[in-house]
N, C-alpha and C. Protein backbone atom coordinates (compact mmCIF):
# COMPACT_ATOMS: atom_id res chain seq x y z
N MET A 1 -13.97 -22.83 1.87
CA MET A 1 -12.91 -22.52 2.85
C MET A 1 -13.56 -22.19 4.19
N SER A 2 -13.12 -22.83 5.25
CA SER A 2 -13.73 -22.62 6.56
C SER A 2 -13.35 -21.26 7.12
N ALA A 3 -14.17 -20.80 8.09
CA ALA A 3 -13.88 -19.53 8.74
C ALA A 3 -12.53 -19.59 9.45
N VAL A 4 -12.23 -20.75 10.06
CA VAL A 4 -10.95 -20.91 10.75
C VAL A 4 -9.80 -20.77 9.76
N LYS A 5 -9.92 -21.42 8.60
CA LYS A 5 -8.86 -21.35 7.60
C LYS A 5 -8.70 -19.93 7.09
N LYS A 6 -9.79 -19.23 6.87
CA LYS A 6 -9.70 -17.84 6.42
C LYS A 6 -8.95 -17.00 7.44
N HIS A 7 -9.27 -17.18 8.71
CA HIS A 7 -8.60 -16.40 9.75
C HIS A 7 -7.10 -16.72 9.74
N GLN A 8 -6.76 -18.01 9.59
CA GLN A 8 -5.35 -18.37 9.53
C GLN A 8 -4.68 -17.74 8.33
N ASP A 9 -5.36 -17.68 7.21
CA ASP A 9 -4.80 -17.07 6.01
C ASP A 9 -4.47 -15.60 6.25
N TRP A 10 -5.38 -14.85 6.89
CA TRP A 10 -5.07 -13.44 7.07
C TRP A 10 -3.98 -13.26 8.13
N ASP A 11 -3.93 -14.14 9.11
CA ASP A 11 -2.80 -14.10 10.03
C ASP A 11 -1.48 -14.35 9.31
N ASP A 12 -1.50 -15.29 8.38
CA ASP A 12 -0.29 -15.58 7.61
C ASP A 12 0.15 -14.36 6.81
N VAL A 13 -0.81 -13.66 6.20
CA VAL A 13 -0.50 -12.45 5.44
C VAL A 13 0.15 -11.41 6.34
N LEU A 14 -0.45 -11.16 7.49
CA LEU A 14 0.07 -10.12 8.39
C LEU A 14 1.42 -10.51 8.97
N ASP A 15 1.58 -11.77 9.34
CA ASP A 15 2.87 -12.21 9.89
C ASP A 15 3.98 -12.08 8.86
N PHE A 16 3.65 -12.35 7.60
CA PHE A 16 4.65 -12.24 6.54
C PHE A 16 4.99 -10.79 6.22
N TRP A 17 3.96 -9.97 6.06
CA TRP A 17 4.18 -8.60 5.57
C TRP A 17 4.67 -7.66 6.66
N PHE A 18 4.41 -8.02 7.89
CA PHE A 18 4.80 -7.17 9.01
C PHE A 18 5.64 -7.98 10.00
N PRO A 19 6.90 -8.27 9.65
CA PRO A 19 7.73 -9.07 10.56
C PRO A 19 7.99 -8.38 11.89
N GLU A 20 7.73 -7.06 11.95
CA GLU A 20 7.87 -6.34 13.22
C GLU A 20 6.81 -6.76 14.23
N GLY A 21 5.68 -7.28 13.76
CA GLY A 21 4.59 -7.59 14.66
C GLY A 21 3.98 -6.33 15.24
N CYS A 22 3.54 -6.40 16.49
CA CYS A 22 2.87 -5.27 17.14
C CYS A 22 3.79 -4.51 18.10
N ALA A 23 5.00 -4.99 18.30
CA ALA A 23 5.90 -4.34 19.25
C ALA A 23 6.45 -3.05 18.66
N LEU A 24 6.42 -1.98 19.45
CA LEU A 24 6.88 -0.67 18.98
C LEU A 24 8.37 -0.44 19.20
N ASP A 25 9.01 -1.29 19.99
CA ASP A 25 10.43 -1.10 20.28
C ASP A 25 11.30 -1.84 19.25
N VAL A 26 11.16 -1.44 17.98
CA VAL A 26 11.89 -2.09 16.90
C VAL A 26 13.17 -1.32 16.61
N ASP A 27 14.16 -2.03 16.10
CA ASP A 27 15.42 -1.40 15.72
C ASP A 27 15.21 -0.54 14.48
N PRO A 28 15.58 0.73 14.50
CA PRO A 28 15.32 1.61 13.35
C PRO A 28 15.95 1.12 12.05
N GLN A 29 17.17 0.60 12.11
CA GLN A 29 17.82 0.14 10.89
C GLN A 29 17.12 -1.09 10.32
N ALA A 30 16.77 -2.02 11.19
CA ALA A 30 16.03 -3.20 10.73
C ALA A 30 14.67 -2.80 10.18
N HIS A 31 14.04 -1.83 10.83
CA HIS A 31 12.73 -1.37 10.38
C HIS A 31 12.83 -0.72 9.00
N HIS A 32 13.85 0.09 8.80
CA HIS A 32 14.08 0.70 7.48
C HIS A 32 14.27 -0.39 6.44
N ALA A 33 15.02 -1.43 6.78
CA ALA A 33 15.25 -2.54 5.84
C ALA A 33 13.95 -3.27 5.53
N HIS A 34 13.09 -3.43 6.55
CA HIS A 34 11.79 -4.05 6.32
C HIS A 34 10.97 -3.23 5.32
N TRP A 35 10.98 -1.91 5.49
CA TRP A 35 10.23 -1.07 4.57
C TRP A 35 10.78 -1.18 3.15
N ARG A 36 12.07 -1.18 3.01
CA ARG A 36 12.66 -1.30 1.68
C ARG A 36 12.27 -2.63 1.04
N TRP A 37 12.31 -3.69 1.82
CA TRP A 37 11.90 -5.02 1.35
C TRP A 37 10.44 -5.01 0.91
N ARG A 38 9.59 -4.39 1.73
CA ARG A 38 8.16 -4.35 1.42
C ARG A 38 7.88 -3.58 0.14
N MET A 39 8.49 -2.40 0.01
CA MET A 39 8.03 -1.42 -0.97
C MET A 39 8.80 -1.45 -2.29
N GLN A 40 9.89 -2.21 -2.37
CA GLN A 40 10.68 -2.18 -3.60
C GLN A 40 10.85 -3.56 -4.23
N GLY A 41 9.87 -4.44 -4.02
CA GLY A 41 9.83 -5.70 -4.75
C GLY A 41 10.67 -6.81 -4.18
N GLY A 42 11.24 -6.62 -2.98
CA GLY A 42 12.10 -7.65 -2.43
C GLY A 42 11.39 -8.94 -2.06
N ALA A 43 10.07 -8.87 -1.94
CA ALA A 43 9.31 -10.04 -1.51
C ALA A 43 8.62 -10.75 -2.66
N ASP A 44 8.88 -10.34 -3.90
CA ASP A 44 8.12 -10.87 -5.04
C ASP A 44 8.14 -12.40 -5.10
N VAL A 45 9.31 -12.99 -5.00
CA VAL A 45 9.42 -14.45 -5.16
C VAL A 45 8.64 -15.16 -4.07
N GLN A 46 8.77 -14.68 -2.84
CA GLN A 46 8.05 -15.32 -1.73
C GLN A 46 6.55 -15.14 -1.86
N ILE A 47 6.12 -13.97 -2.31
CA ILE A 47 4.68 -13.74 -2.49
C ILE A 47 4.13 -14.68 -3.56
N MET A 48 4.84 -14.81 -4.66
CA MET A 48 4.39 -15.72 -5.72
C MET A 48 4.27 -17.15 -5.20
N ALA A 49 5.23 -17.56 -4.40
CA ALA A 49 5.24 -18.94 -3.92
C ALA A 49 4.17 -19.20 -2.86
N ARG A 50 3.93 -18.21 -2.01
CA ARG A 50 3.06 -18.45 -0.86
C ARG A 50 1.65 -17.88 -1.00
N PHE A 51 1.50 -16.81 -1.78
CA PHE A 51 0.24 -16.07 -1.71
C PHE A 51 -0.42 -15.82 -3.06
N ALA A 52 0.05 -16.44 -4.12
CA ALA A 52 -0.57 -16.21 -5.43
C ALA A 52 -2.03 -16.65 -5.43
N ASP A 53 -2.33 -17.78 -4.81
CA ASP A 53 -3.72 -18.25 -4.77
C ASP A 53 -4.59 -17.32 -3.95
N ILE A 54 -4.06 -16.81 -2.85
CA ILE A 54 -4.82 -15.87 -2.03
C ILE A 54 -5.07 -14.58 -2.80
N ALA A 55 -4.07 -14.11 -3.55
CA ALA A 55 -4.26 -12.90 -4.36
C ALA A 55 -5.36 -13.11 -5.39
N GLU A 56 -5.39 -14.27 -6.00
CA GLU A 56 -6.44 -14.57 -6.98
C GLU A 56 -7.80 -14.61 -6.31
N SER A 57 -7.89 -15.27 -5.17
CA SER A 57 -9.16 -15.35 -4.45
C SER A 57 -9.64 -13.97 -4.03
N ALA A 58 -8.72 -13.14 -3.54
CA ALA A 58 -9.10 -11.78 -3.14
C ALA A 58 -9.59 -10.98 -4.32
N ALA A 59 -8.91 -11.10 -5.45
CA ALA A 59 -9.30 -10.35 -6.65
C ALA A 59 -10.68 -10.76 -7.14
N GLN A 60 -11.07 -12.00 -6.90
CA GLN A 60 -12.37 -12.49 -7.33
C GLN A 60 -13.46 -12.24 -6.28
N GLY A 61 -13.12 -11.56 -5.19
CA GLY A 61 -14.11 -11.25 -4.17
C GLY A 61 -14.45 -12.39 -3.25
N GLN A 62 -13.60 -13.42 -3.23
CA GLN A 62 -13.90 -14.60 -2.42
C GLN A 62 -13.46 -14.46 -0.97
N LEU A 63 -12.75 -13.38 -0.65
CA LEU A 63 -12.27 -13.18 0.71
C LEU A 63 -12.90 -11.95 1.36
N ASP A 64 -14.05 -11.55 0.86
CA ASP A 64 -14.69 -10.34 1.37
C ASP A 64 -14.97 -10.40 2.87
N THR A 65 -15.20 -11.60 3.41
CA THR A 65 -15.52 -11.70 4.83
C THR A 65 -14.34 -11.30 5.71
N TRP A 66 -13.13 -11.26 5.16
CA TRP A 66 -11.99 -10.80 5.95
C TRP A 66 -12.25 -9.39 6.49
N ALA A 67 -12.96 -8.59 5.73
CA ALA A 67 -13.17 -7.19 6.10
C ALA A 67 -14.10 -7.02 7.30
N GLN A 68 -14.63 -8.11 7.83
CA GLN A 68 -15.48 -8.02 9.02
C GLN A 68 -14.67 -7.80 10.29
N SER A 69 -13.35 -7.94 10.20
CA SER A 69 -12.45 -7.71 11.32
C SER A 69 -11.46 -6.62 10.94
N PRO A 70 -11.07 -5.74 11.86
CA PRO A 70 -10.08 -4.70 11.52
C PRO A 70 -8.79 -5.27 10.95
N PHE A 71 -8.29 -6.36 11.53
CA PHE A 71 -7.04 -6.91 11.04
C PHE A 71 -7.25 -7.77 9.80
N GLY A 72 -8.41 -8.38 9.68
CA GLY A 72 -8.74 -9.05 8.43
C GLY A 72 -8.84 -8.05 7.29
N ARG A 73 -9.42 -6.88 7.57
CA ARG A 73 -9.51 -5.83 6.56
C ARG A 73 -8.10 -5.37 6.15
N LEU A 74 -7.21 -5.18 7.13
CA LEU A 74 -5.84 -4.80 6.82
C LEU A 74 -5.17 -5.85 5.94
N ALA A 75 -5.37 -7.12 6.27
CA ALA A 75 -4.78 -8.20 5.46
C ALA A 75 -5.33 -8.19 4.04
N LEU A 76 -6.63 -7.97 3.90
CA LEU A 76 -7.23 -7.95 2.57
C LEU A 76 -6.72 -6.76 1.76
N ILE A 77 -6.59 -5.60 2.39
CA ILE A 77 -6.02 -4.44 1.71
C ILE A 77 -4.59 -4.74 1.28
N THR A 78 -3.83 -5.39 2.15
CA THR A 78 -2.44 -5.74 1.83
C THR A 78 -2.38 -6.64 0.61
N VAL A 79 -3.24 -7.63 0.56
CA VAL A 79 -3.25 -8.55 -0.58
C VAL A 79 -3.64 -7.82 -1.86
N LEU A 80 -4.72 -7.05 -1.80
CA LEU A 80 -5.23 -6.38 -3.00
C LEU A 80 -4.29 -5.30 -3.50
N ASP A 81 -3.71 -4.54 -2.59
CA ASP A 81 -2.87 -3.41 -2.98
C ASP A 81 -1.41 -3.79 -3.18
N GLN A 82 -0.86 -4.63 -2.31
CA GLN A 82 0.56 -4.94 -2.36
C GLN A 82 0.86 -6.25 -3.06
N PHE A 83 0.22 -7.33 -2.66
CA PHE A 83 0.53 -8.62 -3.25
C PHE A 83 0.16 -8.66 -4.73
N SER A 84 -0.91 -7.96 -5.11
CA SER A 84 -1.29 -7.90 -6.53
C SER A 84 -0.17 -7.34 -7.39
N ARG A 85 0.57 -6.37 -6.85
CA ARG A 85 1.65 -5.76 -7.61
C ARG A 85 2.82 -6.71 -7.81
N SER A 86 2.96 -7.67 -6.92
CA SER A 86 4.00 -8.69 -7.08
C SER A 86 3.54 -9.83 -7.98
N VAL A 87 2.33 -10.31 -7.75
CA VAL A 87 1.83 -11.46 -8.51
C VAL A 87 1.66 -11.11 -9.98
N TRP A 88 1.19 -9.88 -10.26
CA TRP A 88 0.93 -9.49 -11.65
C TRP A 88 1.83 -8.34 -12.10
N ARG A 89 3.05 -8.32 -11.60
CA ARG A 89 3.99 -7.25 -11.96
C ARG A 89 4.17 -7.20 -13.48
N GLN A 90 4.19 -5.97 -14.01
CA GLN A 90 4.32 -5.71 -15.45
C GLN A 90 3.09 -6.15 -16.24
N HIS A 91 1.98 -6.33 -15.55
CA HIS A 91 0.70 -6.61 -16.21
C HIS A 91 -0.34 -5.63 -15.67
N ALA A 92 -1.32 -5.30 -16.51
CA ALA A 92 -2.35 -4.34 -16.10
C ALA A 92 -3.10 -4.81 -14.87
N ARG A 93 -3.19 -6.11 -14.70
CA ARG A 93 -3.95 -6.63 -13.57
C ARG A 93 -3.33 -6.25 -12.22
N ALA A 94 -2.08 -5.86 -12.23
CA ALA A 94 -1.44 -5.44 -10.98
C ALA A 94 -2.19 -4.29 -10.32
N PHE A 95 -2.85 -3.47 -11.14
CA PHE A 95 -3.53 -2.28 -10.63
C PHE A 95 -5.06 -2.43 -10.64
N ALA A 96 -5.55 -3.56 -11.12
CA ALA A 96 -6.99 -3.72 -11.30
C ALA A 96 -7.75 -3.79 -9.99
N GLN A 97 -7.06 -4.16 -8.92
CA GLN A 97 -7.71 -4.29 -7.61
C GLN A 97 -7.73 -2.98 -6.83
N ASP A 98 -7.12 -1.93 -7.37
CA ASP A 98 -7.01 -0.67 -6.63
C ASP A 98 -8.36 -0.09 -6.19
N PRO A 99 -9.38 -0.06 -7.06
CA PRO A 99 -10.66 0.50 -6.62
C PRO A 99 -11.29 -0.27 -5.46
N TYR A 100 -11.17 -1.59 -5.50
CA TYR A 100 -11.72 -2.40 -4.40
C TYR A 100 -10.94 -2.13 -3.12
N ALA A 101 -9.61 -2.09 -3.22
CA ALA A 101 -8.81 -1.79 -2.04
C ALA A 101 -9.17 -0.42 -1.47
N LEU A 102 -9.36 0.55 -2.35
CA LEU A 102 -9.74 1.89 -1.90
C LEU A 102 -11.07 1.88 -1.17
N SER A 103 -12.03 1.14 -1.67
CA SER A 103 -13.34 1.09 -1.01
C SER A 103 -13.22 0.51 0.39
N LEU A 104 -12.33 -0.47 0.57
CA LEU A 104 -12.10 -1.04 1.90
C LEU A 104 -11.46 -0.02 2.84
N VAL A 105 -10.55 0.77 2.30
CA VAL A 105 -9.91 1.81 3.11
C VAL A 105 -10.94 2.84 3.56
N MET A 106 -11.75 3.31 2.63
CA MET A 106 -12.69 4.37 2.96
C MET A 106 -13.71 3.91 3.99
N SER A 107 -14.23 2.70 3.82
CA SER A 107 -15.21 2.21 4.79
C SER A 107 -14.55 1.93 6.13
N GLY A 108 -13.29 1.50 6.12
CA GLY A 108 -12.59 1.25 7.37
C GLY A 108 -12.22 2.52 8.12
N LEU A 109 -12.02 3.60 7.38
CA LEU A 109 -11.78 4.89 8.04
C LEU A 109 -13.04 5.39 8.72
N SER A 110 -14.19 5.10 8.12
CA SER A 110 -15.45 5.61 8.68
C SER A 110 -16.02 4.71 9.77
N ASN A 111 -15.72 3.41 9.74
CA ASN A 111 -16.32 2.51 10.73
C ASN A 111 -15.44 2.26 11.95
N GLY A 112 -14.25 2.87 11.98
CA GLY A 112 -13.39 2.75 13.15
C GLY A 112 -12.33 1.68 13.05
N ASP A 113 -12.32 0.88 11.98
CA ASP A 113 -11.31 -0.17 11.86
C ASP A 113 -9.89 0.40 11.85
N TYR A 114 -9.70 1.50 11.13
CA TYR A 114 -8.36 2.08 11.04
C TYR A 114 -7.85 2.49 12.42
N SER A 115 -8.71 3.07 13.22
CA SER A 115 -8.29 3.56 14.53
C SER A 115 -7.91 2.43 15.48
N ARG A 116 -8.26 1.20 15.14
CA ARG A 116 -7.93 0.06 16.00
C ARG A 116 -6.55 -0.52 15.70
N LEU A 117 -5.91 -0.04 14.66
CA LEU A 117 -4.57 -0.54 14.32
C LEU A 117 -3.55 0.11 15.25
N GLN A 118 -2.67 -0.69 15.83
CA GLN A 118 -1.83 -0.17 16.91
C GLN A 118 -0.49 0.38 16.46
N THR A 119 -0.03 0.08 15.28
CA THR A 119 1.34 0.44 14.92
C THR A 119 1.38 1.32 13.67
N PRO A 120 2.41 2.15 13.54
CA PRO A 120 2.50 3.00 12.35
C PRO A 120 2.64 2.22 11.06
N TRP A 121 3.29 1.06 11.09
CA TRP A 121 3.45 0.30 9.84
C TRP A 121 2.12 -0.29 9.39
N TYR A 122 1.28 -0.72 10.31
CA TYR A 122 -0.06 -1.15 9.91
C TYR A 122 -0.81 0.01 9.26
N GLN A 123 -0.73 1.18 9.89
CA GLN A 123 -1.49 2.33 9.40
C GLN A 123 -1.00 2.81 8.04
N ILE A 124 0.31 2.77 7.82
CA ILE A 124 0.84 3.21 6.52
C ILE A 124 0.34 2.30 5.41
N VAL A 125 0.47 1.00 5.58
CA VAL A 125 0.04 0.07 4.53
C VAL A 125 -1.47 0.17 4.32
N TYR A 126 -2.21 0.34 5.40
CA TYR A 126 -3.66 0.49 5.29
C TYR A 126 -4.02 1.64 4.36
N GLY A 127 -3.29 2.75 4.43
CA GLY A 127 -3.64 3.94 3.66
C GLY A 127 -3.11 4.00 2.25
N LEU A 128 -2.29 3.03 1.84
CA LEU A 128 -1.66 3.11 0.52
C LEU A 128 -2.64 3.30 -0.64
N PRO A 129 -3.80 2.62 -0.65
CA PRO A 129 -4.70 2.81 -1.79
C PRO A 129 -5.19 4.24 -1.98
N LEU A 130 -5.15 5.06 -0.94
CA LEU A 130 -5.56 6.46 -1.11
C LEU A 130 -4.70 7.15 -2.16
N GLY A 131 -3.44 6.80 -2.23
CA GLY A 131 -2.56 7.37 -3.24
C GLY A 131 -2.44 6.54 -4.49
N HIS A 132 -2.60 5.23 -4.35
CA HIS A 132 -2.39 4.34 -5.49
C HIS A 132 -3.54 4.37 -6.50
N CYS A 133 -4.76 4.47 -6.01
CA CYS A 133 -5.93 4.32 -6.89
C CYS A 133 -6.16 5.59 -7.70
N GLU A 134 -6.03 5.47 -9.01
CA GLU A 134 -6.31 6.60 -9.89
C GLU A 134 -7.82 6.81 -9.98
N GLY A 135 -8.21 8.01 -10.44
CA GLY A 135 -9.63 8.25 -10.64
C GLY A 135 -10.11 9.52 -9.98
N PRO A 136 -11.43 9.65 -9.87
CA PRO A 136 -12.03 10.87 -9.31
C PRO A 136 -11.54 11.16 -7.89
N HIS A 137 -11.40 12.43 -7.59
CA HIS A 137 -11.06 12.90 -6.24
C HIS A 137 -9.68 12.43 -5.77
N HIS A 138 -8.80 12.15 -6.72
CA HIS A 138 -7.48 11.64 -6.35
C HIS A 138 -6.71 12.65 -5.50
N LEU A 139 -6.77 13.92 -5.87
CA LEU A 139 -6.04 14.93 -5.10
C LEU A 139 -6.60 15.06 -3.69
N GLN A 140 -7.91 14.99 -3.56
CA GLN A 140 -8.51 15.06 -2.22
C GLN A 140 -8.09 13.86 -1.38
N ARG A 141 -8.02 12.70 -2.01
CA ARG A 141 -7.58 11.52 -1.27
C ARG A 141 -6.12 11.63 -0.87
N LEU A 142 -5.31 12.23 -1.72
CA LEU A 142 -3.91 12.43 -1.36
C LEU A 142 -3.77 13.43 -0.22
N ASP A 143 -4.62 14.44 -0.20
CA ASP A 143 -4.61 15.35 0.95
C ASP A 143 -4.95 14.60 2.23
N GLN A 144 -5.91 13.70 2.13
CA GLN A 144 -6.27 12.87 3.29
C GLN A 144 -5.10 11.98 3.69
N LEU A 145 -4.42 11.41 2.69
CA LEU A 145 -3.27 10.55 2.97
C LEU A 145 -2.15 11.33 3.66
N ILE A 146 -1.88 12.53 3.17
CA ILE A 146 -0.84 13.35 3.79
C ILE A 146 -1.18 13.64 5.25
N ALA A 147 -2.44 13.97 5.51
CA ALA A 147 -2.86 14.25 6.89
C ALA A 147 -2.72 13.01 7.78
N LEU A 148 -3.12 11.85 7.26
CA LEU A 148 -2.98 10.62 8.04
C LEU A 148 -1.52 10.33 8.33
N ARG A 149 -0.67 10.49 7.31
CA ARG A 149 0.75 10.20 7.51
C ARG A 149 1.40 11.19 8.47
N GLN A 150 0.94 12.44 8.45
CA GLN A 150 1.48 13.40 9.40
C GLN A 150 1.13 12.99 10.83
N ASP A 151 -0.10 12.54 11.02
CA ASP A 151 -0.50 12.05 12.35
C ASP A 151 0.36 10.85 12.76
N ILE A 152 0.62 9.95 11.81
CA ILE A 152 1.44 8.77 12.10
C ILE A 152 2.85 9.20 12.50
N ALA A 153 3.42 10.13 11.74
CA ALA A 153 4.78 10.60 12.04
C ALA A 153 4.84 11.29 13.40
N ASP A 154 3.80 12.04 13.71
CA ASP A 154 3.78 12.78 14.98
C ASP A 154 3.73 11.85 16.18
N THR A 155 3.10 10.69 16.03
CA THR A 155 2.91 9.79 17.16
C THR A 155 3.84 8.58 17.13
N ALA A 156 4.67 8.46 16.11
CA ALA A 156 5.60 7.33 16.02
C ALA A 156 6.65 7.42 17.13
N PRO A 157 7.17 6.27 17.57
CA PRO A 157 8.27 6.31 18.54
C PRO A 157 9.42 7.17 18.02
N ALA A 158 10.07 7.88 18.91
CA ALA A 158 11.09 8.85 18.51
C ALA A 158 12.15 8.28 17.58
N PRO A 159 12.67 7.06 17.81
CA PRO A 159 13.71 6.55 16.90
C PRO A 159 13.21 6.30 15.48
N LEU A 160 11.88 6.18 15.31
CA LEU A 160 11.31 5.87 14.00
C LEU A 160 10.76 7.10 13.29
N LYS A 161 10.74 8.24 13.97
CA LYS A 161 10.14 9.44 13.38
C LYS A 161 10.76 9.82 12.03
N PRO A 162 12.08 9.73 11.84
CA PRO A 162 12.62 10.09 10.52
C PRO A 162 12.04 9.25 9.38
N ILE A 163 11.80 7.97 9.64
CA ILE A 163 11.22 7.11 8.61
C ILE A 163 9.83 7.60 8.23
N TYR A 164 9.01 7.89 9.22
CA TYR A 164 7.62 8.24 8.95
C TYR A 164 7.47 9.68 8.48
N SER A 165 8.38 10.55 8.88
CA SER A 165 8.40 11.90 8.31
C SER A 165 8.74 11.84 6.83
N GLY A 166 9.64 10.92 6.46
CA GLY A 166 9.96 10.74 5.05
C GLY A 166 8.78 10.27 4.24
N LEU A 167 7.90 9.48 4.85
CA LEU A 167 6.71 9.01 4.13
C LEU A 167 5.68 10.12 3.96
N VAL A 168 5.67 11.09 4.85
CA VAL A 168 4.84 12.28 4.62
C VAL A 168 5.32 13.00 3.37
N ASN A 169 6.62 13.18 3.27
CA ASN A 169 7.19 13.87 2.10
C ASN A 169 6.93 13.08 0.82
N GLN A 170 6.99 11.76 0.92
CA GLN A 170 6.72 10.95 -0.27
C GLN A 170 5.29 11.17 -0.76
N ALA A 171 4.33 11.21 0.17
CA ALA A 171 2.94 11.44 -0.22
C ALA A 171 2.78 12.82 -0.87
N ARG A 172 3.51 13.80 -0.38
CA ARG A 172 3.46 15.13 -1.00
C ARG A 172 4.03 15.08 -2.42
N ASP A 173 5.10 14.31 -2.60
CA ASP A 173 5.67 14.17 -3.95
C ASP A 173 4.66 13.52 -4.90
N VAL A 174 3.96 12.50 -4.41
CA VAL A 174 2.95 11.85 -5.25
C VAL A 174 1.85 12.84 -5.60
N ARG A 175 1.45 13.66 -4.65
CA ARG A 175 0.41 14.65 -4.93
C ARG A 175 0.84 15.59 -6.05
N GLU A 176 2.10 15.98 -6.06
CA GLU A 176 2.59 16.85 -7.13
C GLU A 176 2.47 16.17 -8.49
N ILE A 177 2.75 14.88 -8.53
CA ILE A 177 2.65 14.13 -9.80
C ILE A 177 1.20 14.08 -10.27
N ILE A 178 0.29 13.77 -9.37
CA ILE A 178 -1.12 13.68 -9.75
C ILE A 178 -1.66 15.05 -10.12
N ALA A 179 -1.23 16.09 -9.43
CA ALA A 179 -1.66 17.45 -9.78
C ALA A 179 -1.19 17.82 -11.17
N ALA A 180 -0.01 17.35 -11.55
CA ALA A 180 0.55 17.69 -12.86
C ALA A 180 -0.07 16.87 -13.99
N PHE A 181 -0.32 15.58 -13.73
CA PHE A 181 -0.69 14.68 -14.83
C PHE A 181 -2.07 14.03 -14.67
N GLY A 182 -2.63 14.04 -13.48
CA GLY A 182 -3.93 13.43 -13.26
C GLY A 182 -3.90 11.92 -13.18
N ARG A 183 -2.71 11.34 -13.18
CA ARG A 183 -2.56 9.88 -13.13
C ARG A 183 -1.10 9.57 -12.80
N HIS A 184 -0.81 8.28 -12.65
CA HIS A 184 0.56 7.83 -12.42
C HIS A 184 1.20 7.51 -13.77
N PRO A 185 2.03 8.40 -14.32
CA PRO A 185 2.57 8.15 -15.66
C PRO A 185 3.43 6.90 -15.77
N HIS A 186 4.06 6.47 -14.67
CA HIS A 186 4.93 5.30 -14.78
C HIS A 186 4.14 4.02 -15.08
N ARG A 187 2.82 4.08 -14.99
CA ARG A 187 1.99 2.92 -15.34
C ARG A 187 1.59 2.91 -16.81
N ASN A 188 1.88 3.96 -17.53
CA ASN A 188 1.34 4.10 -18.88
C ASN A 188 1.69 2.91 -19.77
N GLY A 189 2.93 2.46 -19.74
CA GLY A 189 3.32 1.35 -20.60
C GLY A 189 2.55 0.09 -20.30
N VAL A 190 2.46 -0.27 -19.02
CA VAL A 190 1.77 -1.49 -18.62
C VAL A 190 0.29 -1.40 -18.96
N LEU A 191 -0.29 -0.21 -18.82
CA LEU A 191 -1.72 -0.03 -19.07
C LEU A 191 -2.02 0.35 -20.52
N ASN A 192 -1.00 0.33 -21.37
CA ASN A 192 -1.17 0.62 -22.80
C ASN A 192 -1.77 2.01 -23.01
N ARG A 193 -1.28 2.98 -22.22
CA ARG A 193 -1.72 4.36 -22.36
C ARG A 193 -0.63 5.16 -23.07
N LYS A 194 -1.05 6.06 -23.92
CA LYS A 194 -0.09 6.92 -24.61
C LYS A 194 0.33 8.04 -23.68
N SER A 195 1.62 8.23 -23.52
CA SER A 195 2.14 9.30 -22.67
C SER A 195 2.12 10.62 -23.41
N THR A 196 1.81 11.68 -22.69
CA THR A 196 1.93 13.02 -23.27
C THR A 196 3.41 13.40 -23.32
N ALA A 197 3.70 14.48 -24.04
CA ALA A 197 5.09 14.95 -24.10
C ALA A 197 5.61 15.29 -22.71
N GLU A 198 4.76 15.90 -21.90
CA GLU A 198 5.16 16.25 -20.54
C GLU A 198 5.43 14.99 -19.71
N GLU A 199 4.59 13.99 -19.89
CA GLU A 199 4.81 12.74 -19.16
C GLU A 199 6.09 12.05 -19.62
N GLU A 200 6.36 12.08 -20.91
CA GLU A 200 7.59 11.47 -21.41
C GLU A 200 8.82 12.13 -20.81
N ALA A 201 8.77 13.45 -20.67
CA ALA A 201 9.89 14.17 -20.05
C ALA A 201 10.05 13.76 -18.59
N TYR A 202 8.93 13.62 -17.90
CA TYR A 202 8.97 13.18 -16.51
C TYR A 202 9.51 11.75 -16.40
N LEU A 203 9.02 10.86 -17.26
CA LEU A 203 9.45 9.46 -17.21
C LEU A 203 10.93 9.32 -17.51
N ALA A 204 11.44 10.16 -18.39
CA ALA A 204 12.86 10.08 -18.76
C ALA A 204 13.77 10.35 -17.57
N LYS A 205 13.30 11.13 -16.62
CA LYS A 205 14.11 11.44 -15.44
C LYS A 205 14.19 10.26 -14.47
N GLY A 206 13.16 9.42 -14.46
CA GLY A 206 13.17 8.24 -13.59
C GLY A 206 13.09 8.54 -12.11
N GLN A 207 12.64 9.73 -11.75
CA GLN A 207 12.58 10.13 -10.35
C GLN A 207 11.18 9.88 -9.79
N PHE A 208 10.81 8.63 -9.66
CA PHE A 208 9.47 8.27 -9.22
C PHE A 208 9.43 8.22 -7.69
N PRO A 209 8.41 8.84 -7.08
CA PRO A 209 8.36 8.86 -5.61
C PRO A 209 8.42 7.48 -4.98
N HIS A 210 7.76 6.50 -5.60
CA HIS A 210 7.73 5.17 -4.99
C HIS A 210 9.08 4.48 -5.05
N MET A 211 9.95 4.92 -5.96
CA MET A 211 11.28 4.32 -6.05
C MET A 211 12.31 5.06 -5.21
N LYS A 212 12.03 6.33 -4.90
CA LYS A 212 12.99 7.11 -4.10
C LYS A 212 12.92 6.75 -2.62
N ALA A 213 11.77 6.27 -2.19
CA ALA A 213 11.62 5.94 -0.77
C ALA A 213 12.50 4.76 -0.39
N PHE A 214 13.15 4.86 0.74
CA PHE A 214 13.93 3.78 1.36
C PHE A 214 15.13 3.35 0.53
N ARG A 215 15.69 4.26 -0.25
CA ARG A 215 16.93 3.92 -0.96
C ARG A 215 18.07 3.73 0.03
């Protein structure tokens, strides 16, 4: 795959996942609808049709060079963290790319790539693996995510502040779940993990932070 084609591929990812583009004067209602579409599976069919091959290539490490650019890195994180959940929904592989996505986030936070993103929606999607990836230091990463989201909410355009303040609260809700269980219990079935009695009680309520957002 040529460098030009790779660049076009990541542009295609960003254009698809962020229909708002870089303009900050977006309609709040349309923006809320975009978030709901992004985060609650509304794009599954389109992702399967347009980006399944890219998701496979990213999972195999064939698109690592995307991370040499701040926006290429954002596109790669989007594919690994978001598109994987659509392409492999209800399969363990949906979450298998989380550690790689997290490593891209952490290195991008330290090398300045994150600070080059101009819009709150780019920044939110960039940080998702901090909360999604299970494993060591999960609570510390969630504290970092909460702080990043608070900064995003504080600097978001006034008409959009309620949306981004809500995402701060969502991250806090996720932290409570990880503090209680040490993992995301709603994944237990897909990952063939046995739920504890406490997790079963939580699952029975169906009040998952990722599903409550943007209702």
